[in-house]
Amino acid sequence: MEKKKTLLSWSSGKDSAWALHALRQDPAVELAGLFCTVNQAFQRVAMHAVRVELLRRQAEALELPLFIVEIPYPCDNQDYAARMAAFVARCREDGVEQMAFGDLFLEDVRRYREENLAGSGIAPVFPLWGLPTAELAQTMIASGLKARLTCLDPKKLPRELAGQDFGQTLLDALPADADPCGEHGEFHSFAWDGPMFRRPVAHRVGETVERDGFVFTDLLPG
């Protein structure tokens, strides 16, 4: 079977990590690396607020190349689209045939990704699409995937869950209307160990602050 050269969109979180795990088990995929958009001014992943240094350490622990797309702050939609289009064009020149995403069920997000790659010569793939999130969360935990919450929406979750481990205790504390994988934006995470990692990513928990309507827990390289 001919393998297709594939890049994975990497947010630093648990869904990206599980998508990587799924891709590594697909005999039709040649996983060529990770790509991530980073706020140029703050050198952090948008929403997840993970530091670039920790991104690099994740990639090292995953033994994969990391391609960073820097996005200015502030950045309008037109500038963002132009930067991503330029990155996609370079990837196509390098022989990339697929870009994978860890999206679970949000149709508008999937459609946005499909439209952005339309005509580029690169196909979008969604290895986790449609998996029931309650079962998926349990599967992640049972596998040994370890992640920590770096951002949460206090309108949807109690503030005291910021910085907590993604595990059964967290799932038990979620409100009944919250998605167990946080797919509605309830929370974002930093994955640091599990079956997809060759070794754990050392880190320590910094301060928790509330900013722009969200609660962020800073993580520092360990």
N, C-alpha and C. Protein backbone atom coordinates (compact mmCIF):
# COMPACT_ATOMS: atom_id res chain seq x y z
N MET A 1 0.84 -1.20 0.00
CA MET A 1 0.00 0.00 0.00
C MET A 1 0.88 1.25 0.00
N GLU A 2 0.60 2.15 -0.91
CA GLU A 2 1.36 3.40 -0.97
C GLU A 2 0.91 4.34 0.15
N LYS A 3 1.88 4.84 0.89
CA LYS A 3 1.55 5.74 1.99
C LYS A 3 1.46 7.18 1.51
N LYS A 4 0.56 7.96 2.10
CA LYS A 4 0.40 9.36 1.76
C LYS A 4 1.09 10.23 2.80
N LYS A 5 1.93 11.13 2.30
CA LYS A 5 2.67 12.03 3.19
C LYS A 5 1.68 12.98 3.86
N THR A 6 1.67 12.96 5.19
CA THR A 6 0.64 13.64 5.97
C THR A 6 1.25 14.52 7.05
N LEU A 7 0.72 15.73 7.18
CA LEU A 7 1.04 16.61 8.31
C LEU A 7 -0.17 16.68 9.22
N LEU A 8 0.08 16.73 10.52
CA LEU A 8 -0.99 16.84 11.51
C LEU A 8 -1.05 18.24 12.08
N SER A 9 -2.24 18.83 12.05
CA SER A 9 -2.46 20.11 12.72
C SER A 9 -2.38 19.87 14.23
N TRP A 10 -1.43 20.56 14.87
CA TRP A 10 -1.10 20.28 16.27
C TRP A 10 -1.47 21.48 17.14
N SER A 11 -2.42 21.27 18.04
CA SER A 11 -2.83 22.35 18.94
C SER A 11 -2.10 22.31 20.27
N SER A 12 -1.41 21.21 20.52
CA SER A 12 -0.71 20.87 21.77
C SER A 12 -1.60 20.07 22.72
N GLY A 13 -2.88 19.91 22.38
CA GLY A 13 -3.82 19.28 23.30
C GLY A 13 -4.07 17.80 23.08
N LYS A 14 -4.96 17.26 23.88
CA LYS A 14 -5.23 15.82 23.91
C LYS A 14 -5.82 15.31 22.61
N ASP A 15 -6.70 16.08 21.95
CA ASP A 15 -7.31 15.59 20.71
C ASP A 15 -6.28 15.48 19.60
N SER A 16 -5.39 16.45 19.52
CA SER A 16 -4.29 16.35 18.56
C SER A 16 -3.44 15.13 18.85
N ALA A 17 -3.16 14.90 20.12
CA ALA A 17 -2.34 13.76 20.51
C ALA A 17 -3.02 12.45 20.14
N TRP A 18 -4.32 12.37 20.35
CA TRP A 18 -5.02 11.13 20.02
C TRP A 18 -5.13 10.95 18.51
N ALA A 19 -5.29 12.05 17.77
CA ALA A 19 -5.29 11.96 16.31
C ALA A 19 -3.95 11.42 15.82
N LEU A 20 -2.86 11.87 16.43
CA LEU A 20 -1.53 11.37 16.09
C LEU A 20 -1.46 9.86 16.34
N HIS A 21 -1.98 9.44 17.48
CA HIS A 21 -1.99 8.02 17.83
C HIS A 21 -2.73 7.21 16.76
N ALA A 22 -3.86 7.73 16.31
CA ALA A 22 -4.64 7.04 15.28
C ALA A 22 -3.90 7.01 13.95
N LEU A 23 -3.26 8.11 13.59
CA LEU A 23 -2.54 8.17 12.32
C LEU A 23 -1.37 7.19 12.30
N ARG A 24 -0.71 7.04 13.43
CA ARG A 24 0.44 6.13 13.49
C ARG A 24 0.01 4.67 13.29
N GLN A 25 -1.25 4.38 13.51
CA GLN A 25 -1.74 3.01 13.32
C GLN A 25 -2.36 2.81 11.95
N ASP A 26 -2.36 3.84 11.12
CA ASP A 26 -2.95 3.75 9.78
C ASP A 26 -1.85 3.40 8.78
N PRO A 27 -1.91 2.22 8.16
CA PRO A 27 -0.85 1.81 7.23
C PRO A 27 -0.79 2.65 5.96
N ALA A 28 -1.82 3.48 5.71
CA ALA A 28 -1.84 4.30 4.51
C ALA A 28 -1.25 5.69 4.74
N VAL A 29 -0.75 5.94 5.96
CA VAL A 29 -0.27 7.28 6.33
C VAL A 29 1.23 7.26 6.58
N GLU A 30 1.94 8.20 5.97
CA GLU A 30 3.33 8.52 6.31
C GLU A 30 3.29 9.83 7.08
N LEU A 31 3.41 9.76 8.40
CA LEU A 31 3.31 10.95 9.22
C LEU A 31 4.62 11.73 9.13
N ALA A 32 4.57 12.91 8.48
CA ALA A 32 5.78 13.66 8.17
C ALA A 32 6.06 14.79 9.15
N GLY A 33 5.14 15.08 10.06
CA GLY A 33 5.39 16.14 11.01
C GLY A 33 4.13 16.79 11.51
N LEU A 34 4.33 17.80 12.35
CA LEU A 34 3.25 18.57 12.97
C LEU A 34 3.34 20.01 12.49
N PHE A 35 2.18 20.68 12.42
CA PHE A 35 2.22 22.13 12.19
C PHE A 35 1.28 22.81 13.16
N CYS A 36 1.68 24.00 13.58
CA CYS A 36 0.94 24.72 14.60
C CYS A 36 1.01 26.22 14.35
N THR A 37 -0.11 26.91 14.50
CA THR A 37 -0.10 28.38 14.42
C THR A 37 0.19 28.95 15.80
N VAL A 38 1.04 29.96 15.82
CA VAL A 38 1.50 30.55 17.08
C VAL A 38 1.34 32.07 17.01
N ASN A 39 0.84 32.63 18.09
CA ASN A 39 0.75 34.08 18.21
C ASN A 39 2.16 34.66 18.24
N GLN A 40 2.49 35.45 17.21
CA GLN A 40 3.85 35.95 17.03
C GLN A 40 4.28 36.87 18.18
N ALA A 41 3.34 37.66 18.71
CA ALA A 41 3.67 38.62 19.75
C ALA A 41 3.95 37.94 21.09
N PHE A 42 3.17 36.91 21.40
CA PHE A 42 3.28 36.28 22.72
C PHE A 42 4.00 34.94 22.68
N GLN A 43 4.26 34.42 21.47
CA GLN A 43 4.94 33.14 21.30
C GLN A 43 4.22 32.03 22.08
N ARG A 44 2.92 31.98 21.84
CA ARG A 44 2.08 30.95 22.44
C ARG A 44 1.05 30.46 21.44
N VAL A 45 0.56 29.26 21.66
CA VAL A 45 -0.53 28.73 20.84
C VAL A 45 -1.81 29.48 21.19
N ALA A 46 -2.55 29.89 20.18
CA ALA A 46 -3.81 30.60 20.43
C ALA A 46 -4.77 29.72 21.22
N MET A 47 -5.50 30.32 22.16
CA MET A 47 -6.46 29.68 23.06
C MET A 47 -5.79 28.72 24.05
N HIS A 48 -5.01 27.79 23.59
CA HIS A 48 -4.35 26.88 24.53
C HIS A 48 -3.32 27.64 25.37
N ALA A 49 -2.75 28.70 24.79
CA ALA A 49 -1.78 29.57 25.48
C ALA A 49 -0.53 28.82 25.91
N VAL A 50 -0.21 27.74 25.21
CA VAL A 50 0.99 26.96 25.53
C VAL A 50 2.22 27.64 24.92
N ARG A 51 3.29 27.71 25.69
CA ARG A 51 4.51 28.36 25.25
C ARG A 51 5.18 27.57 24.10
N VAL A 52 5.83 28.30 23.20
CA VAL A 52 6.51 27.67 22.07
C VAL A 52 7.56 26.68 22.55
N GLU A 53 8.25 26.98 23.62
CA GLU A 53 9.27 26.07 24.13
C GLU A 53 8.66 24.71 24.47
N LEU A 54 7.47 24.71 25.04
CA LEU A 54 6.82 23.44 25.36
C LEU A 54 6.33 22.74 24.09
N LEU A 55 5.92 23.51 23.10
CA LEU A 55 5.57 22.92 21.80
C LEU A 55 6.76 22.14 21.23
N ARG A 56 7.92 22.78 21.28
CA ARG A 56 9.13 22.14 20.74
C ARG A 56 9.47 20.88 21.54
N ARG A 57 9.28 20.93 22.84
CA ARG A 57 9.58 19.76 23.66
C ARG A 57 8.59 18.62 23.38
N GLN A 58 7.34 18.99 23.11
CA GLN A 58 6.38 17.96 22.71
C GLN A 58 6.85 17.26 21.43
N ALA A 59 7.22 18.07 20.43
CA ALA A 59 7.66 17.50 19.15
C ALA A 59 8.88 16.59 19.34
N GLU A 60 9.81 17.00 20.20
CA GLU A 60 10.98 16.17 20.47
C GLU A 60 10.57 14.85 21.11
N ALA A 61 9.63 14.91 22.06
CA ALA A 61 9.18 13.69 22.74
C ALA A 61 8.35 12.80 21.81
N LEU A 62 7.78 13.39 20.77
CA LEU A 62 7.03 12.63 19.77
C LEU A 62 7.93 12.17 18.63
N GLU A 63 9.15 12.71 18.60
CA GLU A 63 10.14 12.41 17.56
C GLU A 63 9.58 12.73 16.17
N LEU A 64 9.03 13.95 16.07
CA LEU A 64 8.47 14.43 14.80
C LEU A 64 8.93 15.87 14.56
N PRO A 65 9.11 16.26 13.29
CA PRO A 65 9.41 17.66 12.98
C PRO A 65 8.21 18.54 13.33
N LEU A 66 8.49 19.77 13.72
CA LEU A 66 7.45 20.74 14.04
C LEU A 66 7.60 21.95 13.13
N PHE A 67 6.51 22.31 12.46
CA PHE A 67 6.49 23.47 11.59
C PHE A 67 5.58 24.53 12.22
N ILE A 68 6.17 25.67 12.55
CA ILE A 68 5.42 26.73 13.22
C ILE A 68 5.04 27.81 12.20
N VAL A 69 3.76 28.15 12.19
CA VAL A 69 3.25 29.24 11.36
C VAL A 69 2.96 30.41 12.29
N GLU A 70 3.77 31.46 12.21
CA GLU A 70 3.59 32.60 13.11
C GLU A 70 2.50 33.53 12.57
N ILE A 71 1.59 33.89 13.47
CA ILE A 71 0.46 34.75 13.12
C ILE A 71 0.60 36.04 13.91
N PRO A 72 0.57 37.22 13.23
CA PRO A 72 0.72 38.48 13.96
C PRO A 72 -0.46 38.74 14.90
N TYR A 73 -0.23 39.61 15.87
CA TYR A 73 -1.29 40.00 16.79
C TYR A 73 -1.35 41.52 16.86
N PRO A 74 -2.49 42.11 16.57
CA PRO A 74 -3.73 41.46 16.11
C PRO A 74 -3.59 40.99 14.66
N CYS A 75 -4.52 40.12 14.24
CA CYS A 75 -4.47 39.57 12.88
C CYS A 75 -5.89 39.46 12.35
N ASP A 76 -6.13 40.07 11.17
CA ASP A 76 -7.47 39.96 10.60
C ASP A 76 -7.58 38.66 9.79
N ASN A 77 -8.80 38.32 9.41
CA ASN A 77 -9.05 37.06 8.71
C ASN A 77 -8.29 36.97 7.39
N GLN A 78 -8.17 38.09 6.70
CA GLN A 78 -7.50 38.09 5.40
C GLN A 78 -6.01 37.77 5.54
N ASP A 79 -5.37 38.38 6.53
CA ASP A 79 -3.95 38.12 6.77
C ASP A 79 -3.73 36.69 7.21
N TYR A 80 -4.60 36.19 8.08
CA TYR A 80 -4.48 34.81 8.54
C TYR A 80 -4.60 33.84 7.37
N ALA A 81 -5.61 34.07 6.53
CA ALA A 81 -5.83 33.19 5.38
C ALA A 81 -4.63 33.21 4.43
N ALA A 82 -4.03 34.39 4.24
CA ALA A 82 -2.89 34.52 3.34
C ALA A 82 -1.69 33.75 3.87
N ARG A 83 -1.44 33.84 5.17
CA ARG A 83 -0.30 33.14 5.76
C ARG A 83 -0.49 31.62 5.69
N MET A 84 -1.70 31.18 5.95
CA MET A 84 -1.96 29.75 5.91
C MET A 84 -1.89 29.24 4.47
N ALA A 85 -2.38 30.04 3.52
CA ALA A 85 -2.32 29.62 2.11
C ALA A 85 -0.87 29.48 1.65
N ALA A 86 -0.02 30.40 2.09
CA ALA A 86 1.39 30.32 1.72
C ALA A 86 2.04 29.08 2.33
N PHE A 87 1.67 28.76 3.57
CA PHE A 87 2.21 27.56 4.21
C PHE A 87 1.74 26.30 3.49
N VAL A 88 0.46 26.26 3.15
CA VAL A 88 -0.09 25.09 2.44
C VAL A 88 0.62 24.91 1.10
N ALA A 89 0.86 26.01 0.40
CA ALA A 89 1.53 25.93 -0.91
C ALA A 89 2.94 25.35 -0.76
N ARG A 90 3.66 25.78 0.29
CA ARG A 90 5.01 25.25 0.52
C ARG A 90 4.95 23.75 0.84
N CYS A 91 3.95 23.37 1.62
CA CYS A 91 3.80 21.95 1.97
C CYS A 91 3.54 21.11 0.73
N ARG A 92 2.71 21.63 -0.17
CA ARG A 92 2.41 20.88 -1.39
C ARG A 92 3.67 20.70 -2.24
N GLU A 93 4.49 21.77 -2.30
CA GLU A 93 5.74 21.68 -3.04
C GLU A 93 6.67 20.62 -2.44
N ASP A 94 6.53 20.41 -1.12
CA ASP A 94 7.36 19.42 -0.43
C ASP A 94 6.76 18.02 -0.49
N GLY A 95 5.68 17.87 -1.22
CA GLY A 95 5.10 16.54 -1.41
C GLY A 95 4.05 16.12 -0.41
N VAL A 96 3.59 17.05 0.43
CA VAL A 96 2.53 16.71 1.37
C VAL A 96 1.23 16.47 0.60
N GLU A 97 0.57 15.37 0.92
CA GLU A 97 -0.68 15.01 0.23
C GLU A 97 -1.91 15.16 1.11
N GLN A 98 -1.70 15.12 2.43
CA GLN A 98 -2.82 15.20 3.35
C GLN A 98 -2.47 16.08 4.56
N MET A 99 -3.47 16.77 5.09
CA MET A 99 -3.36 17.43 6.39
C MET A 99 -4.46 16.86 7.28
N ALA A 100 -4.05 16.41 8.46
CA ALA A 100 -4.98 15.78 9.38
C ALA A 100 -5.34 16.74 10.51
N PHE A 101 -6.58 16.60 10.99
CA PHE A 101 -7.11 17.48 12.04
C PHE A 101 -7.80 16.62 13.10
N GLY A 102 -7.72 17.06 14.35
CA GLY A 102 -8.30 16.31 15.45
C GLY A 102 -9.71 16.69 15.80
N ASP A 103 -10.44 17.29 14.86
CA ASP A 103 -11.82 17.70 15.12
C ASP A 103 -12.71 16.47 15.34
N LEU A 104 -13.75 16.66 16.17
CA LEU A 104 -14.58 15.54 16.58
C LEU A 104 -15.97 15.54 15.94
N PHE A 105 -16.66 16.71 15.99
CA PHE A 105 -18.02 16.69 15.43
C PHE A 105 -18.54 18.04 14.97
N LEU A 106 -17.81 19.11 15.10
CA LEU A 106 -18.32 20.43 14.73
C LEU A 106 -18.27 20.60 13.21
N GLU A 107 -19.45 20.57 12.59
CA GLU A 107 -19.54 20.60 11.13
C GLU A 107 -18.98 21.87 10.54
N ASP A 108 -19.19 23.03 11.21
CA ASP A 108 -18.72 24.30 10.65
C ASP A 108 -17.19 24.36 10.64
N VAL A 109 -16.55 23.78 11.65
CA VAL A 109 -15.09 23.75 11.70
C VAL A 109 -14.55 22.86 10.59
N ARG A 110 -15.17 21.71 10.41
CA ARG A 110 -14.72 20.81 9.35
C ARG A 110 -14.89 21.46 7.97
N ARG A 111 -16.03 22.10 7.76
CA ARG A 111 -16.28 22.75 6.48
C ARG A 111 -15.25 23.85 6.21
N TYR A 112 -14.89 24.60 7.25
CA TYR A 112 -13.89 25.66 7.12
C TYR A 112 -12.55 25.08 6.67
N ARG A 113 -12.14 23.98 7.25
CA ARG A 113 -10.88 23.36 6.88
C ARG A 113 -10.93 22.82 5.45
N GLU A 114 -12.04 22.21 5.10
CA GLU A 114 -12.19 21.67 3.76
C GLU A 114 -12.15 22.78 2.71
N GLU A 115 -12.81 23.89 3.00
CA GLU A 115 -12.83 25.01 2.06
C GLU A 115 -11.45 25.62 1.90
N ASN A 116 -10.71 25.71 3.00
CA ASN A 116 -9.37 26.32 2.93
C ASN A 116 -8.38 25.46 2.14
N LEU A 117 -8.58 24.16 2.12
CA LEU A 117 -7.67 23.28 1.39
C LEU A 117 -8.17 22.96 -0.02
N ALA A 118 -9.37 23.38 -0.34
CA ALA A 118 -9.95 23.08 -1.65
C ALA A 118 -9.06 23.66 -2.76
N GLY A 119 -8.71 22.82 -3.73
CA GLY A 119 -7.89 23.26 -4.85
C GLY A 119 -6.41 23.34 -4.58
N SER A 120 -5.98 23.00 -3.37
CA SER A 120 -4.56 23.13 -3.00
C SER A 120 -3.75 21.90 -3.41
N GLY A 121 -4.45 20.80 -3.69
CA GLY A 121 -3.75 19.54 -3.93
C GLY A 121 -3.50 18.74 -2.68
N ILE A 122 -3.90 19.30 -1.53
CA ILE A 122 -3.78 18.61 -0.25
C ILE A 122 -5.17 18.29 0.27
N ALA A 123 -5.38 17.04 0.66
CA ALA A 123 -6.69 16.60 1.14
C ALA A 123 -6.77 16.69 2.66
N PRO A 124 -7.89 17.18 3.22
CA PRO A 124 -8.06 17.15 4.67
C PRO A 124 -8.54 15.78 5.13
N VAL A 125 -8.02 15.31 6.25
CA VAL A 125 -8.48 14.05 6.83
C VAL A 125 -8.77 14.27 8.32
N PHE A 126 -9.75 13.52 8.81
CA PHE A 126 -10.25 13.71 10.17
C PHE A 126 -10.32 12.34 10.86
N PRO A 127 -9.20 11.88 11.42
CA PRO A 127 -9.14 10.52 11.96
C PRO A 127 -10.04 10.25 13.15
N LEU A 128 -10.51 11.29 13.85
CA LEU A 128 -11.35 11.09 15.04
C LEU A 128 -12.81 11.43 14.78
N TRP A 129 -13.13 11.80 13.56
CA TRP A 129 -14.45 12.36 13.27
C TRP A 129 -15.58 11.37 13.63
N GLY A 130 -16.56 11.87 14.38
CA GLY A 130 -17.75 11.10 14.69
C GLY A 130 -17.62 10.15 15.86
N LEU A 131 -16.44 10.06 16.47
CA LEU A 131 -16.30 9.18 17.63
C LEU A 131 -17.09 9.76 18.81
N PRO A 132 -17.89 8.96 19.50
CA PRO A 132 -18.65 9.46 20.66
C PRO A 132 -17.69 9.99 21.73
N THR A 133 -17.87 11.23 22.11
CA THR A 133 -16.85 11.87 22.96
C THR A 133 -16.80 11.31 24.37
N ALA A 134 -17.91 10.82 24.90
CA ALA A 134 -17.86 10.24 26.25
C ALA A 134 -17.00 8.98 26.24
N GLU A 135 -17.18 8.15 25.20
CA GLU A 135 -16.36 6.95 25.08
C GLU A 135 -14.91 7.30 24.77
N LEU A 136 -14.72 8.30 23.91
CA LEU A 136 -13.37 8.69 23.53
C LEU A 136 -12.59 9.18 24.73
N ALA A 137 -13.21 10.01 25.57
CA ALA A 137 -12.54 10.51 26.77
C ALA A 137 -12.08 9.35 27.66
N GLN A 138 -12.95 8.36 27.83
CA GLN A 138 -12.59 7.20 28.66
C GLN A 138 -11.46 6.40 28.02
N THR A 139 -11.49 6.26 26.70
CA THR A 139 -10.44 5.53 25.99
C THR A 139 -9.10 6.23 26.15
N MET A 140 -9.10 7.55 26.01
CA MET A 140 -7.88 8.33 26.19
C MET A 140 -7.27 8.09 27.57
N ILE A 141 -8.12 8.18 28.59
CA ILE A 141 -7.64 8.04 29.97
C ILE A 141 -7.11 6.63 30.20
N ALA A 142 -7.87 5.63 29.72
CA ALA A 142 -7.47 4.24 29.92
C ALA A 142 -6.16 3.92 29.22
N SER A 143 -5.86 4.63 28.12
CA SER A 143 -4.63 4.38 27.36
C SER A 143 -3.39 4.90 28.05
N GLY A 144 -3.60 5.79 29.03
CA GLY A 144 -2.46 6.43 29.68
C GLY A 144 -2.15 7.81 29.16
N LEU A 145 -3.02 8.33 28.28
CA LEU A 145 -2.82 9.71 27.81
C LEU A 145 -2.94 10.66 29.00
N LYS A 146 -1.96 11.54 29.12
CA LYS A 146 -1.96 12.51 30.22
C LYS A 146 -1.95 13.92 29.63
N ALA A 147 -2.85 14.75 30.15
CA ALA A 147 -2.96 16.13 29.68
C ALA A 147 -3.39 17.00 30.85
N ARG A 148 -3.12 18.29 30.71
CA ARG A 148 -3.49 19.24 31.75
C ARG A 148 -4.25 20.41 31.14
N LEU A 149 -5.29 20.87 31.83
CA LEU A 149 -6.08 21.98 31.32
C LEU A 149 -5.27 23.28 31.39
N THR A 150 -5.18 23.97 30.26
CA THR A 150 -4.45 25.24 30.20
C THR A 150 -5.38 26.44 30.02
N CYS A 151 -6.62 26.17 29.62
CA CYS A 151 -7.58 27.24 29.39
C CYS A 151 -8.97 26.68 29.60
N LEU A 152 -9.84 27.48 30.22
CA LEU A 152 -11.24 27.08 30.32
C LEU A 152 -12.13 28.31 30.21
N ASP A 153 -13.36 28.06 29.82
CA ASP A 153 -14.38 29.10 29.71
C ASP A 153 -15.18 29.10 31.01
N PRO A 154 -15.02 30.14 31.84
CA PRO A 154 -15.69 30.15 33.14
C PRO A 154 -17.22 30.25 33.03
N LYS A 155 -17.73 30.55 31.83
CA LYS A 155 -19.19 30.55 31.64
C LYS A 155 -19.70 29.12 31.50
N LYS A 156 -18.79 28.18 31.27
CA LYS A 156 -19.18 26.79 31.05
C LYS A 156 -18.65 25.83 32.10
N LEU A 157 -17.53 26.20 32.75
CA LEU A 157 -16.91 25.32 33.74
C LEU A 157 -16.52 26.10 34.98
N PRO A 158 -16.48 25.43 36.14
CA PRO A 158 -15.99 26.09 37.36
C PRO A 158 -14.52 26.51 37.20
N ARG A 159 -14.20 27.68 37.68
CA ARG A 159 -12.84 28.20 37.55
C ARG A 159 -11.79 27.30 38.21
N GLU A 160 -12.18 26.60 39.27
CA GLU A 160 -11.20 25.80 40.01
C GLU A 160 -10.70 24.59 39.22
N LEU A 161 -11.29 24.31 38.07
CA LEU A 161 -10.80 23.22 37.25
C LEU A 161 -9.59 23.62 36.40
N ALA A 162 -9.28 24.90 36.36
CA ALA A 162 -8.12 25.37 35.59
C ALA A 162 -6.85 24.72 36.13
N GLY A 163 -6.04 24.21 35.22
CA GLY A 163 -4.78 23.59 35.59
C GLY A 163 -4.89 22.14 36.05
N GLN A 164 -6.11 21.60 36.07
CA GLN A 164 -6.30 20.23 36.55
C GLN A 164 -5.91 19.21 35.48
N ASP A 165 -5.66 17.99 35.92
CA ASP A 165 -5.37 16.89 35.00
C ASP A 165 -6.64 16.48 34.27
N PHE A 166 -6.48 16.10 33.00
CA PHE A 166 -7.57 15.49 32.26
C PHE A 166 -7.65 14.03 32.69
N GLY A 167 -8.63 13.72 33.51
CA GLY A 167 -8.76 12.37 34.05
C GLY A 167 -10.16 12.16 34.58
N GLN A 168 -10.37 11.05 35.24
CA GLN A 168 -11.71 10.72 35.72
C GLN A 168 -12.23 11.74 36.71
N THR A 169 -11.36 12.25 37.58
CA THR A 169 -11.79 13.25 38.55
C THR A 169 -12.33 14.49 37.84
N LEU A 170 -11.66 14.90 36.78
CA LEU A 170 -12.12 16.05 36.01
C LEU A 170 -13.46 15.73 35.34
N LEU A 171 -13.55 14.58 34.70
CA LEU A 171 -14.79 14.23 34.01
C LEU A 171 -15.97 14.20 34.98
N ASP A 172 -15.73 13.69 36.18
CA ASP A 172 -16.79 13.64 37.17
C ASP A 172 -17.22 15.02 37.63
N ALA A 173 -16.32 15.99 37.52
CA ALA A 173 -16.62 17.36 37.99
C ALA A 173 -17.25 18.23 36.90
N LEU A 174 -17.29 17.74 35.67
CA LEU A 174 -17.86 18.55 34.58
C LEU A 174 -19.36 18.69 34.74
N PRO A 175 -19.90 19.87 34.44
CA PRO A 175 -21.36 20.03 34.42
C PRO A 175 -22.00 19.06 33.42
N ALA A 176 -23.25 18.73 33.64
CA ALA A 176 -23.93 17.74 32.82
C ALA A 176 -23.99 18.12 31.35
N ASP A 177 -24.00 19.43 31.06
CA ASP A 177 -24.13 19.88 29.66
C ASP A 177 -22.76 20.11 28.99
N ALA A 178 -21.68 19.81 29.69
CA ALA A 178 -20.34 20.01 29.11
C ALA A 178 -19.94 18.77 28.31
N ASP A 179 -19.25 19.01 27.18
CA ASP A 179 -18.75 17.89 26.40
C ASP A 179 -17.52 17.31 27.10
N PRO A 180 -17.43 15.97 27.23
CA PRO A 180 -16.29 15.37 27.95
C PRO A 180 -14.94 15.65 27.32
N CYS A 181 -14.92 15.96 26.01
CA CYS A 181 -13.66 16.30 25.35
C CYS A 181 -13.51 17.81 25.15
N GLY A 182 -14.46 18.60 25.66
CA GLY A 182 -14.35 20.06 25.54
C GLY A 182 -14.52 20.57 24.13
N GLU A 183 -15.27 19.85 23.29
CA GLU A 183 -15.35 20.21 21.88
C GLU A 183 -16.13 21.49 21.63
N HIS A 184 -16.94 21.91 22.61
CA HIS A 184 -17.67 23.17 22.47
C HIS A 184 -16.89 24.34 23.05
N GLY A 185 -15.60 24.15 23.30
CA GLY A 185 -14.77 25.23 23.83
C GLY A 185 -14.79 25.34 25.33
N GLU A 186 -15.28 24.31 26.01
CA GLU A 186 -15.30 24.34 27.47
C GLU A 186 -13.91 24.44 28.05
N PHE A 187 -12.96 23.71 27.43
CA PHE A 187 -11.58 23.75 27.93
C PHE A 187 -10.62 23.36 26.81
N HIS A 188 -9.35 23.71 27.02
CA HIS A 188 -8.25 23.32 26.13
C HIS A 188 -7.14 22.74 27.01
N SER A 189 -6.28 21.93 26.39
CA SER A 189 -5.33 21.19 27.22
C SER A 189 -3.94 21.12 26.59
N PHE A 190 -3.00 20.63 27.40
CA PHE A 190 -1.63 20.37 26.99
C PHE A 190 -1.36 18.90 27.25
N ALA A 191 -1.11 18.13 26.19
CA ALA A 191 -0.81 16.70 26.33
C ALA A 191 0.68 16.53 26.61
N TRP A 192 1.01 15.70 27.61
CA TRP A 192 2.43 15.59 27.98
C TRP A 192 2.94 14.15 28.11
N ASP A 193 2.03 13.18 28.02
CA ASP A 193 2.49 11.79 28.06
C ASP A 193 1.38 10.90 27.52
N GLY A 194 1.76 9.67 27.18
CA GLY A 194 0.78 8.74 26.65
C GLY A 194 1.41 7.84 25.61
N PRO A 195 0.59 6.99 24.98
CA PRO A 195 1.14 6.02 24.04
C PRO A 195 1.75 6.62 22.78
N MET A 196 1.45 7.86 22.50
CA MET A 196 2.01 8.51 21.31
C MET A 196 3.36 9.18 21.60
N PHE A 197 3.71 9.34 22.86
CA PHE A 197 4.96 9.98 23.25
C PHE A 197 6.04 8.93 23.49
N ARG A 198 7.27 9.27 23.10
CA ARG A 198 8.41 8.40 23.40
C ARG A 198 8.88 8.60 24.83
N ARG A 199 8.60 9.76 25.39
CA ARG A 199 8.93 10.05 26.78
C ARG A 199 8.04 11.20 27.25
N PRO A 200 7.85 11.36 28.56
CA PRO A 200 7.01 12.45 29.07
C PRO A 200 7.63 13.81 28.79
N VAL A 201 6.78 14.83 28.70
CA VAL A 201 7.24 16.21 28.53
C VAL A 201 7.24 16.87 29.91
N ALA A 202 8.43 17.11 30.44
CA ALA A 202 8.54 17.69 31.78
C ALA A 202 8.02 19.13 31.77
N HIS A 203 7.21 19.45 32.76
CA HIS A 203 6.67 20.81 32.88
C HIS A 203 6.25 21.04 34.33
N ARG A 204 6.02 22.30 34.66
CA ARG A 204 5.48 22.63 35.97
C ARG A 204 4.40 23.68 35.81
N VAL A 205 3.53 23.72 36.78
CA VAL A 205 2.35 24.59 36.70
C VAL A 205 2.68 25.98 37.23
N GLY A 206 2.39 26.99 36.43
CA GLY A 206 2.60 28.37 36.83
C GLY A 206 1.32 29.00 37.36
N GLU A 207 1.20 30.31 37.17
CA GLU A 207 0.06 31.02 37.74
C GLU A 207 -1.19 30.86 36.86
N THR A 208 -2.33 31.03 37.48
CA THR A 208 -3.61 31.03 36.78
C THR A 208 -4.17 32.44 36.79
N VAL A 209 -4.57 32.93 35.60
CA VAL A 209 -5.09 34.30 35.49
C VAL A 209 -6.36 34.27 34.65
N GLU A 210 -7.19 35.29 34.85
CA GLU A 210 -8.38 35.44 34.02
C GLU A 210 -8.15 36.61 33.07
N ARG A 211 -8.37 36.36 31.77
CA ARG A 211 -8.09 37.38 30.76
C ARG A 211 -9.02 37.18 29.57
N ASP A 212 -9.57 38.29 29.10
CA ASP A 212 -10.42 38.27 27.91
C ASP A 212 -11.57 37.27 28.03
N GLY A 213 -12.07 37.10 29.24
CA GLY A 213 -13.23 36.24 29.44
C GLY A 213 -12.90 34.76 29.59
N PHE A 214 -11.60 34.41 29.66
CA PHE A 214 -11.20 33.01 29.84
C PHE A 214 -10.24 32.90 31.01
N VAL A 215 -10.12 31.69 31.55
CA VAL A 215 -9.18 31.42 32.63
C VAL A 215 -8.02 30.59 32.07
N PHE A 216 -6.80 31.12 32.23
CA PHE A 216 -5.61 30.48 31.69
C PHE A 216 -4.68 30.04 32.81
N THR A 217 -4.16 28.82 32.70
CA THR A 217 -3.11 28.35 33.60
C THR A 217 -1.82 28.23 32.82
N ASP A 218 -0.81 28.96 33.24
CA ASP A 218 0.48 28.94 32.54
C ASP A 218 1.24 27.69 32.91
N LEU A 219 1.86 27.08 31.90
CA LEU A 219 2.74 25.94 32.12
C LEU A 219 4.16 26.34 31.73
N LEU A 220 5.11 25.92 32.54
CA LEU A 220 6.51 26.26 32.33
C LEU A 220 7.31 25.00 32.05
N PRO A 221 8.34 25.10 31.22
CA PRO A 221 9.20 23.93 30.98
C PRO A 221 9.77 23.41 32.30
N GLY A 222 9.75 22.09 32.46
CA GLY A 222 10.24 21.52 33.71
C GLY A 222 11.73 21.22 33.63
